[in-house]
Structures are given as structure tokens and as C-alpha cells.
Amino acid sequence: MRVLHAAALIALLAGPAYAQMEAPHINLLTDAPSKTEEQIEQEQTKDKAYKESLKKIPDAKVSSDPWGGVRNGDAPKASAKTTAAKAKTKTPN
């Protein structure tokens, strides 16, 4: 009975290793015919028109920060002196 269990265990462990072995090289995609000169020229003109249209888009000058009006980036930060003074003025309860 132990031999049967050992054989089953070996078979279960060998399955994933067998699945990782290199599969035969099968190309499922058929070779597509090469592009004609006209198709190549059409693609080049499309690419050129696309790049030209990208140049026409203006740069965004406005910040896209929705909280930009709420936060104040110019507010002075608390200095070390003021934080030390606040710590001294606190009374323990």
C-alpha cells in the first residue's frame, strides 16, 4: 500500500514539471502578406498628420488641482521658536 501511495505522490509531483517542459514550436499565426508601397505611404501620411495634430494642442496653463483654491501654499510655516514657545506654555493636567 505504501508503494502505491509513493507512486501516486511521485506522479502528482511530476505533473507540473512535465507541463513546464518546452512545448513544440508551433506558429499559430499565418504569415501575413507584406505591405505594398501604397499602404506604407498611407501609414506614413497618417503618422505625419497625427504628429502635426499633436503639435496644435495647446499646453495646459491652468493647474488641475481641485483643492488649489483651498490650500494656501504661501502660508508661513511655524518656526522652531514658536513651536518651542507653545510647548512651554502648555500646562500638564
PDB file of N, CA and C in Angstrom:
ATOM      1  N   MET A   1       0.815  -1.180   0.000  1.00  0.00           N
ATOM      2  CA  MET A   1       0.000   0.000   0.000  1.00  0.00           C
ATOM      3  C   MET A   1       0.869   1.259   0.000  1.00  0.00           C
ATOM      4  N   ARG A   2       1.988   1.202   0.727  1.00  0.00           N
ATOM      5  CA  ARG A   2       2.892   2.343   0.758  1.00  0.00           C
ATOM      6  C   ARG A   2       3.487   2.615  -0.620  1.00  0.00           C
ATOM      7  N   VAL A   3       3.731   1.564  -1.347  1.00  0.00           N
ATOM      8  CA  VAL A   3       4.302   1.717  -2.681  1.00  0.00           C
ATOM      9  C   VAL A   3       3.298   2.430  -3.587  1.00  0.00           C
ATOM     10  N   LEU A   4       2.034   2.108  -3.449  1.00  0.00           N
ATOM     11  CA  LEU A   4       1.003   2.751  -4.253  1.00  0.00           C
ATOM     12  C   LEU A   4       0.897   4.237  -3.910  1.00  0.00           C
ATOM     13  N   HIS A   5       0.958   4.558  -2.624  1.00  0.00           N
ATOM     14  CA  HIS A   5       0.914   5.960  -2.211  1.00  0.00           C
ATOM     15  C   HIS A   5       2.146   6.715  -2.712  1.00  0.00           C
ATOM     16  N   ALA A   6       3.300   6.090  -2.637  1.00  0.00           N
ATOM     17  CA  ALA A   6       4.537   6.723  -3.105  1.00  0.00           C
ATOM     18  C   ALA A   6       4.470   6.956  -4.613  1.00  0.00           C
ATOM     19  N   ALA A   7       3.945   6.004  -5.356  1.00  0.00           N
ATOM     20  CA  ALA A   7       3.834   6.163  -6.811  1.00  0.00           C
ATOM     21  C   ALA A   7       2.853   7.278  -7.154  1.00  0.00           C
ATOM     22  N   ALA A   8       1.754   7.371  -6.409  1.00  0.00           N
ATOM     23  CA  ALA A   8       0.776   8.433  -6.652  1.00  0.00           C
ATOM     24  C   ALA A   8       1.380   9.793  -6.329  1.00  0.00           C
ATOM     25  N   LEU A   9       2.149   9.876  -5.253  1.00  0.00           N
ATOM     26  CA  LEU A   9       2.797  11.125  -4.874  1.00  0.00           C
ATOM     27  C   LEU A   9       3.807  11.560  -5.932  1.00  0.00           C
ATOM     28  N   ILE A  10       4.586  10.649  -6.430  1.00  0.00           N
ATOM     29  CA  ILE A  10       5.567  10.960  -7.477  1.00  0.00           C
ATOM     30  C   ILE A  10       4.859  11.417  -8.747  1.00  0.00           C
ATOM     31  N   ALA A  11       3.764  10.778  -9.086  1.00  0.00           N
ATOM     32  CA  ALA A  11       3.013  11.161 -10.286  1.00  0.00           C
ATOM     33  C   ALA A  11       2.440  12.570 -10.133  1.00  0.00           C
ATOM     34  N   LEU A  12       1.939  12.883  -8.938  1.00  0.00           N
ATOM     35  CA  LEU A  12       1.390  14.221  -8.704  1.00  0.00           C
ATOM     36  C   LEU A  12       2.474  15.295  -8.744  1.00  0.00           C
ATOM     37  N   LEU A  13       3.640  14.984  -8.241  1.00  0.00           N
ATOM     38  CA  LEU A  13       4.731  15.954  -8.257  1.00  0.00           C
ATOM     39  C   LEU A  13       5.363  16.086  -9.642  1.00  0.00           C
ATOM     40  N   ALA A  14       5.323  15.048 -10.440  1.00  0.00           N
ATOM     41  CA  ALA A  14       5.937  15.080 -11.767  1.00  0.00           C
ATOM     42  C   ALA A  14       5.050  15.789 -12.791  1.00  0.00           C
ATOM     43  N   GLY A  15       3.754  15.906 -12.523  1.00  0.00           N
ATOM     44  CA  GLY A  15       2.830  16.531 -13.475  1.00  0.00           C
ATOM     45  C   GLY A  15       3.186  17.974 -13.800  1.00  0.00           C
ATOM     46  N   PRO A  16       3.334  18.844 -12.808  1.00  0.00           N
ATOM     47  CA  PRO A  16       3.692  20.231 -13.119  1.00  0.00           C
ATOM     48  C   PRO A  16       5.064  20.363 -13.778  1.00  0.00           C
ATOM     49  N   ALA A  17       5.997  19.519 -13.389  1.00  0.00           N
ATOM     50  CA  ALA A  17       7.323  19.574 -14.001  1.00  0.00           C
ATOM     51  C   ALA A  17       7.242  19.179 -15.475  1.00  0.00           C
ATOM     52  N   TYR A  18       6.419  18.214 -15.763  1.00  0.00           N
ATOM     53  CA  TYR A  18       6.246  17.789 -17.160  1.00  0.00           C
ATOM     54  C   TYR A  18       5.575  18.901 -17.977  1.00  0.00           C
ATOM     55  N   ALA A  19       4.661  19.629 -17.346  1.00  0.00           N
ATOM     56  CA  ALA A  19       3.954  20.698 -18.052  1.00  0.00           C
ATOM     57  C   ALA A  19       4.878  21.863 -18.369  1.00  0.00           C
ATOM     58  N   GLN A  20       5.949  22.024 -17.606  1.00  0.00           N
ATOM     59  CA  GLN A  20       6.869  23.130 -17.838  1.00  0.00           C
ATOM     60  C   GLN A  20       7.907  22.818 -18.905  1.00  0.00           C
ATOM     61  N   MET A  21       7.932  21.596 -19.375  1.00  0.00           N
ATOM     62  CA  MET A  21       8.896  21.252 -20.420  1.00  0.00           C
ATOM     63  C   MET A  21       8.589  22.039 -21.678  1.00  0.00           C
ATOM     64  N   GLU A  22       9.597  22.265 -22.455  1.00  0.00           N
ATOM     65  CA  GLU A  22       9.443  23.088 -23.650  1.00  0.00           C
ATOM     66  C   GLU A  22       8.469  22.440 -24.629  1.00  0.00           C
ATOM     67  N   ALA A  23       7.496  23.230 -25.025  1.00  0.00           N
ATOM     68  CA  ALA A  23       6.493  22.753 -25.964  1.00  0.00           C
ATOM     69  C   ALA A  23       7.057  22.812 -27.381  1.00  0.00           C
ATOM     70  N   PRO A  24       6.493  22.051 -28.285  1.00  0.00           N
ATOM     71  CA  PRO A  24       6.966  22.134 -29.669  1.00  0.00           C
ATOM     72  C   PRO A  24       6.684  23.523 -30.230  1.00  0.00           C
ATOM     73  N   HIS A  25       7.560  23.993 -31.072  1.00  0.00           N
ATOM     74  CA  HIS A  25       7.430  25.326 -31.647  1.00  0.00           C
ATOM     75  C   HIS A  25       6.379  25.310 -32.753  1.00  0.00           C
ATOM     76  N   ILE A  26       5.206  25.797 -32.414  1.00  0.00           N
ATOM     77  CA  ILE A  26       4.108  25.848 -33.368  1.00  0.00           C
ATOM     78  C   ILE A  26       3.722  27.302 -33.554  1.00  0.00           C
ATOM     79  N   ASN A  27       3.717  27.758 -34.773  1.00  0.00           N
ATOM     80  CA  ASN A  27       3.312  29.120 -35.074  1.00  0.00           C
ATOM     81  C   ASN A  27       1.848  29.088 -35.484  1.00  0.00           C
ATOM     82  N   LEU A  28       0.978  29.627 -34.621  1.00  0.00           N
ATOM     83  CA  LEU A  28      -0.439  29.606 -34.908  1.00  0.00           C
ATOM     84  C   LEU A  28      -0.854  30.760 -35.825  1.00  0.00           C
ATOM     85  N   LEU A  29      -0.015  31.757 -35.939  1.00  0.00           N
ATOM     86  CA  LEU A  29      -0.319  32.881 -36.810  1.00  0.00           C
ATOM     87  C   LEU A  29       0.175  32.579 -38.223  1.00  0.00           C
ATOM     88  N   THR A  30      -0.667  32.845 -39.158  1.00  0.00           N
ATOM     89  CA  THR A  30      -0.236  32.639 -40.538  1.00  0.00           C
ATOM     90  C   THR A  30       0.607  33.818 -40.963  1.00  0.00           C
ATOM     91  N   ASP A  31       1.482  33.617 -41.874  1.00  0.00           N
ATOM     92  CA  ASP A  31       2.319  34.700 -42.378  1.00  0.00           C
ATOM     93  C   ASP A  31       1.467  35.635 -43.214  1.00  0.00           C
ATOM     94  N   ALA A  32       1.392  36.877 -42.770  1.00  0.00           N
ATOM     95  CA  ALA A  32       0.608  37.876 -43.482  1.00  0.00           C
ATOM     96  C   ALA A  32       1.426  38.400 -44.663  1.00  0.00           C
ATOM     97  N   PRO A  33       0.740  38.735 -45.730  1.00  0.00           N
ATOM     98  CA  PRO A  33       1.485  39.276 -46.861  1.00  0.00           C
ATOM     99  C   PRO A  33       2.085  40.625 -46.489  1.00  0.00           C
ATOM    100  N   SER A  34       3.224  40.935 -47.086  1.00  0.00           N
ATOM    101  CA  SER A  34       3.883  42.195 -46.770  1.00  0.00           C
ATOM    102  C   SER A  34       3.067  43.362 -47.316  1.00  0.00           C
ATOM    103  N   LYS A  35       3.302  44.536 -46.770  1.00  0.00           N
ATOM    104  CA  LYS A  35       2.541  45.718 -47.159  1.00  0.00           C
ATOM    105  C   LYS A  35       3.057  46.243 -48.491  1.00  0.00           C
ATOM    106  N   THR A  36       2.130  46.789 -49.249  1.00  0.00           N
ATOM    107  CA  THR A  36       2.502  47.373 -50.531  1.00  0.00           C
ATOM    108  C   THR A  36       3.044  48.777 -50.291  1.00  0.00           C
ATOM    109  N   GLU A  37       3.620  49.355 -51.340  1.00  0.00           N
ATOM    110  CA  GLU A  37       4.171  50.711 -51.243  1.00  0.00           C
ATOM    111  C   GLU A  37       3.068  51.712 -50.906  1.00  0.00           C
ATOM    112  N   GLU A  38       1.886  51.514 -51.453  1.00  0.00           N
ATOM    113  CA  GLU A  38       0.773  52.424 -51.193  1.00  0.00           C
ATOM    114  C   GLU A  38       0.368  52.374 -49.719  1.00  0.00           C
ATOM    115  N   GLN A  39       0.316  51.172 -49.162  1.00  0.00           N
ATOM    116  CA  GLN A  39      -0.051  51.031 -47.750  1.00  0.00           C
ATOM    117  C   GLN A  39       0.995  51.681 -46.851  1.00  0.00           C
ATOM    118  N   ILE A  40       2.249  51.523 -47.204  1.00  0.00           N
ATOM    119  CA  ILE A  40       3.317  52.131 -46.423  1.00  0.00           C
ATOM    120  C   ILE A  40       3.221  53.651 -46.480  1.00  0.00           C
ATOM    121  N   GLU A  41       2.970  54.194 -47.656  1.00  0.00           N
ATOM    122  CA  GLU A  41       2.829  55.638 -47.810  1.00  0.00           C
ATOM    123  C   GLU A  41       1.620  56.165 -47.040  1.00  0.00           C
ATOM    124  N   GLN A  42       0.510  55.417 -47.069  1.00  0.00           N
ATOM    125  CA  GLN A  42      -0.684  55.828 -46.326  1.00  0.00           C
ATOM    126  C   GLN A  42      -0.403  55.873 -44.824  1.00  0.00           C
ATOM    127  N   GLU A  43       0.304  54.886 -44.318  1.00  0.00           N
ATOM    128  CA  GLU A  43       0.629  54.857 -42.896  1.00  0.00           C
ATOM    129  C   GLU A  43       1.539  56.028 -42.529  1.00  0.00           C
ATOM    130  N   GLN A  44       2.487  56.340 -43.408  1.00  0.00           N
ATOM    131  CA  GLN A  44       3.395  57.451 -43.140  1.00  0.00           C
ATOM    132  C   GLN A  44       2.647  58.782 -43.129  1.00  0.00           C
ATOM    133  N   THR A  45       1.703  58.959 -44.044  1.00  0.00           N
ATOM    134  CA  THR A  45       0.941  60.206 -44.062  1.00  0.00           C
ATOM    135  C   THR A  45       0.027  60.300 -42.835  1.00  0.00           C
ATOM    136  N   LYS A  46      -0.542  59.168 -42.414  1.00  0.00           N
ATOM    137  CA  LYS A  46      -1.371  59.159 -41.202  1.00  0.00           C
ATOM    138  C   LYS A  46      -0.535  59.518 -39.977  1.00  0.00           C
ATOM    139  N   ASP A  47       0.663  58.935 -39.890  1.00  0.00           N
ATOM    140  CA  ASP A  47       1.535  59.233 -38.758  1.00  0.00           C
ATOM    141  C   ASP A  47       1.945  60.701 -38.747  1.00  0.00           C
ATOM    142  N   LYS A  48       2.248  61.237 -39.918  1.00  0.00           N
ATOM    143  CA  LYS A  48       2.652  62.638 -40.012  1.00  0.00           C
ATOM    144  C   LYS A  48       1.495  63.559 -39.617  1.00  0.00           C
ATOM    145  N   ALA A  49       0.280  63.249 -40.084  1.00  0.00           N
ATOM    146  CA  ALA A  49      -0.887  64.053 -39.739  1.00  0.00           C
ATOM    147  C   ALA A  49      -1.164  63.963 -38.239  1.00  0.00           C
ATOM    148  N   TYR A  50      -0.985  62.805 -37.658  1.00  0.00           N
ATOM    149  CA  TYR A  50      -1.193  62.634 -36.222  1.00  0.00           C
ATOM    150  C   TYR A  50      -0.200  63.470 -35.423  1.00  0.00           C
ATOM    151  N   LYS A  51       1.051  63.425 -35.815  1.00  0.00           N
ATOM    152  CA  LYS A  51       2.071  64.189 -35.107  1.00  0.00           C
ATOM    153  C   LYS A  51       1.833  65.688 -35.243  1.00  0.00           C
ATOM    154  N   GLU A  52       1.382  66.125 -36.413  1.00  0.00           N
ATOM    155  CA  GLU A  52       1.073  67.546 -36.621  1.00  0.00           C
ATOM    156  C   GLU A  52      -0.116  67.964 -35.752  1.00  0.00           C
ATOM    157  N   SER A  53      -1.109  67.090 -35.626  1.00  0.00           N
ATOM    158  CA  SER A  53      -2.267  67.432 -34.802  1.00  0.00           C
ATOM    159  C   SER A  53      -1.884  67.518 -33.329  1.00  0.00           C
ATOM    160  N   LEU A  54      -0.905  66.715 -32.891  1.00  0.00           N
ATOM    161  CA  LEU A  54      -0.447  66.788 -31.513  1.00  0.00           C
ATOM    162  C   LEU A  54       0.253  68.120 -31.239  1.00  0.00           C
ATOM    163  N   LYS A  55       0.936  68.656 -32.242  1.00  0.00           N
ATOM    164  CA  LYS A  55       1.629  69.929 -32.069  1.00  0.00           C
ATOM    165  C   LYS A  55       0.639  71.084 -31.941  1.00  0.00           C
ATOM    166  N   LYS A  56      -0.562  70.937 -32.475  1.00  0.00           N
ATOM    167  CA  LYS A  56      -1.555  72.002 -32.439  1.00  0.00           C
ATOM    168  C   LYS A  56      -2.267  72.104 -31.092  1.00  0.00           C
ATOM    169  N   ILE A  57      -2.149  71.078 -30.253  1.00  0.00           N
ATOM    170  CA  ILE A  57      -2.811  71.091 -28.955  1.00  0.00           C
ATOM    171  C   ILE A  57      -2.058  72.056 -28.048  1.00  0.00           C
ATOM    172  N   PRO A  58      -2.762  73.031 -27.470  1.00  0.00           N
ATOM    173  CA  PRO A  58      -2.070  73.994 -26.603  1.00  0.00           C
ATOM    174  C   PRO A  58      -1.673  73.355 -25.278  1.00  0.00           C
ATOM    175  N   ASP A  59      -0.626  73.919 -24.687  1.00  0.00           N
ATOM    176  CA  ASP A  59      -0.179  73.436 -23.385  1.00  0.00           C
ATOM    177  C   ASP A  59      -1.163  73.891 -22.312  1.00  0.00           C
ATOM    178  N   ALA A  60      -1.379  73.051 -21.344  1.00  0.00           N
ATOM    179  CA  ALA A  60      -2.303  73.388 -20.260  1.00  0.00           C
ATOM    180  C   ALA A  60      -1.614  74.364 -19.315  1.00  0.00           C
ATOM    181  N   LYS A  61      -2.163  75.567 -19.180  1.00  0.00           N
ATOM    182  CA  LYS A  61      -1.598  76.588 -18.303  1.00  0.00           C
ATOM    183  C   LYS A  61      -2.224  76.523 -16.915  1.00  0.00           C
ATOM    184  N   VAL A  62      -3.453  76.037 -16.834  1.00  0.00           N
ATOM    185  CA  VAL A  62      -4.183  76.012 -15.588  1.00  0.00           C
ATOM    186  C   VAL A  62      -3.865  74.723 -14.842  1.00  0.00           C
ATOM    187  N   SER A  63      -3.679  74.854 -13.539  1.00  0.00           N
ATOM    188  CA  SER A  63      -3.418  73.687 -12.714  1.00  0.00           C
ATOM    189  C   SER A  63      -4.685  72.842 -12.615  1.00  0.00           C
ATOM    190  N   SER A  64      -4.528  71.554 -12.603  1.00  0.00           N
ATOM    191  CA  SER A  64      -5.683  70.664 -12.499  1.00  0.00           C
ATOM    192  C   SER A  64      -5.910  70.230 -11.056  1.00  0.00           C
ATOM    193  N   ASP A  65      -5.391  70.996 -10.101  1.00  0.00           N
ATOM    194  CA  ASP A  65      -5.546  70.677  -8.692  1.00  0.00           C
ATOM    195  C   ASP A  65      -6.901  71.173  -8.201  1.00  0.00           C
ATOM    196  N   PRO A  66      -7.846  70.288  -7.869  1.00  0.00           N
ATOM    197  CA  PRO A  66      -9.170  70.741  -7.452  1.00  0.00           C
ATOM    198  C   PRO A  66      -9.159  71.447  -6.095  1.00  0.00           C
ATOM    199  N   TRP A  67      -8.170  71.195  -5.267  1.00  0.00           N
ATOM    200  CA  TRP A  67      -8.078  71.825  -3.958  1.00  0.00           C
ATOM    201  C   TRP A  67      -7.112  73.010  -3.974  1.00  0.00           C
ATOM    202  N   GLY A  68      -6.697  73.436  -5.133  1.00  0.00           N
ATOM    203  CA  GLY A  68      -5.724  74.518  -5.233  1.00  0.00           C
ATOM    204  C   GLY A  68      -6.203  75.812  -4.612  1.00  0.00           C
ATOM    205  N   GLY A  69      -7.502  76.117  -4.707  1.00  0.00           N
ATOM    206  CA  GLY A  69      -8.020  77.344  -4.126  1.00  0.00           C
ATOM    207  C   GLY A  69      -8.194  77.252  -2.626  1.00  0.00           C
ATOM    208  N   VAL A  70      -8.261  76.048  -2.086  1.00  0.00           N
ATOM    209  CA  VAL A  70      -8.483  75.857  -0.665  1.00  0.00           C
ATOM    210  C   VAL A  70      -7.160  75.928   0.091  1.00  0.00           C
ATOM    211  N   ARG A  71      -6.156  75.274  -0.433  1.00  0.00           N
ATOM    212  CA  ARG A  71      -4.851  75.280   0.206  1.00  0.00           C
ATOM    213  C   ARG A  71      -4.141  76.581  -0.096  1.00  0.00           C
ATOM    214  N   ASN A  72      -3.370  77.021   0.843  1.00  0.00           N
ATOM    215  CA  ASN A  72      -2.592  78.223   0.631  1.00  0.00           C
ATOM    216  C   ASN A  72      -1.128  77.829   0.727  1.00  0.00           C
ATOM    217  N   GLY A  73      -0.446  77.777  -0.375  1.00  0.00           N
ATOM    218  CA  GLY A  73       0.950  77.386  -0.399  1.00  0.00           C
ATOM    219  C   GLY A  73       1.861  78.486   0.092  1.00  0.00           C
ATOM    220  N   ASP A  74       1.354  79.738   0.208  1.00  0.00           N
ATOM    221  CA  ASP A  74       2.175  80.865   0.628  1.00  0.00           C
ATOM    222  C   ASP A  74       2.132  81.078   2.138  1.00  0.00           C
ATOM    223  N   ALA A  75       1.388  80.261   2.869  1.00  0.00           N
ATOM    224  CA  ALA A  75       1.267  80.448   4.310  1.00  0.00           C
ATOM    225  C   ALA A  75       2.608  80.200   4.965  1.00  0.00           C
ATOM    226  N   PRO A  76       2.971  81.072   5.910  1.00  0.00           N
ATOM    227  CA  PRO A  76       4.266  80.874   6.588  1.00  0.00           C
ATOM    228  C   PRO A  76       4.209  79.638   7.466  1.00  0.00           C
ATOM    229  N   LYS A  77       5.277  78.901   7.434  1.00  0.00           N
ATOM    230  CA  LYS A  77       5.350  77.694   8.243  1.00  0.00           C
ATOM    231  C   LYS A  77       5.776  78.078   9.653  1.00  0.00           C
ATOM    232  N   ALA A  78       5.324  77.308  10.626  1.00  0.00           N
ATOM    233  CA  ALA A  78       5.660  77.577  12.014  1.00  0.00           C
ATOM    234  C   ALA A  78       7.147  77.344  12.216  1.00  0.00           C
ATOM    235  N   SER A  79       7.796  78.307  12.838  1.00  0.00           N
ATOM    236  CA  SER A  79       9.226  78.169  13.065  1.00  0.00           C
ATOM    237  C   SER A  79       9.469  77.348  14.319  1.00  0.00           C
ATOM    238  N   ALA A  80      10.692  76.998  14.551  1.00  0.00           N
ATOM    239  CA  ALA A  80      11.052  76.198  15.716  1.00  0.00           C
ATOM    240  C   ALA A  80      10.822  76.982  16.998  1.00  0.00           C
ATOM    241  N   LYS A  81      11.007  78.301  16.953  1.00  0.00           N
ATOM    242  CA  LYS A  81      10.816  79.119  18.149  1.00  0.00           C
ATOM    243  C   LYS A  81       9.355  79.113  18.585  1.00  0.00           C
ATOM    244  N   THR A  82       8.437  79.255  17.650  1.00  0.00           N
ATOM    245  CA  THR A  82       7.021  79.300  18.019  1.00  0.00           C
ATOM    246  C   THR A  82       6.537  77.955  18.515  1.00  0.00           C
ATOM    247  N   THR A  83       7.023  76.871  17.940  1.00  0.00           N
ATOM    248  CA  THR A  83       6.600  75.548  18.420  1.00  0.00           C
ATOM    249  C   THR A  83       7.180  75.271  19.802  1.00  0.00           C
ATOM    250  N   ALA A  84       8.405  75.754  20.072  1.00  0.00           N
ATOM    251  CA  ALA A  84       9.001  75.577  21.401  1.00  0.00           C
ATOM    252  C   ALA A  84       8.252  76.421  22.420  1.00  0.00           C
ATOM    253  N   ALA A  85       7.846  77.639  22.045  1.00  0.00           N
ATOM    254  CA  ALA A  85       7.099  78.503  22.958  1.00  0.00           C
ATOM    255  C   ALA A  85       5.739  77.895  23.282  1.00  0.00           C
ATOM    256  N   LYS A  86       5.090  77.289  22.292  1.00  0.00           N
ATOM    257  CA  LYS A  86       3.803  76.649  22.535  1.00  0.00           C
ATOM    258  C   LYS A  86       3.958  75.457  23.466  1.00  0.00           C
ATOM    259  N   ALA A  87       5.052  74.727  23.326  1.00  0.00           N
ATOM    260  CA  ALA A  87       5.281  73.572  24.174  1.00  0.00           C
ATOM    261  C   ALA A  87       5.498  74.003  25.606  1.00  0.00           C
ATOM    262  N   LYS A  88       6.154  75.144  25.849  1.00  0.00           N
ATOM    263  CA  LYS A  88       6.422  75.614  27.195  1.00  0.00           C
ATOM    264  C   LYS A  88       5.155  76.142  27.865  1.00  0.00           C
ATOM    265  N   THR A  89       4.249  76.711  27.089  1.00  0.00           N
ATOM    266  CA  THR A  89       3.046  77.294  27.665  1.00  0.00           C
ATOM    267  C   THR A  89       1.999  76.265  28.042  1.00  0.00           C
ATOM    268  N   LYS A  90       2.116  75.064  27.560  1.00  0.00           N
ATOM    269  CA  LYS A  90       1.151  74.023  27.909  1.00  0.00           C
ATOM    270  C   LYS A  90       1.335  73.618  29.362  1.00  0.00           C
ATOM    271  N   THR A  91       0.235  73.460  30.039  1.00  0.00           N
ATOM    272  CA  THR A  91       0.300  73.034  31.436  1.00  0.00           C
ATOM    273  C   THR A  91      -0.093  71.572  31.527  1.00  0.00           C
ATOM    274  N   PRO A  92       0.617  70.792  32.315  1.00  0.00           N
ATOM    275  CA  PRO A  92       0.253  69.380  32.468  1.00  0.00           C
ATOM    276  C   PRO A  92      -1.015  69.260  33.297  1.00  0.00           C
ATOM    277  N   ASN A  93      -1.820  68.280  32.954  1.00  0.00           N
ATOM    278  CA  ASN A  93      -3.098  68.061  33.657  1.00  0.00           C
ATOM    279  C   ASN A  93      -2.893  67.185  34.843  1.00  0.00           C
TER     280      ASN A  93
END
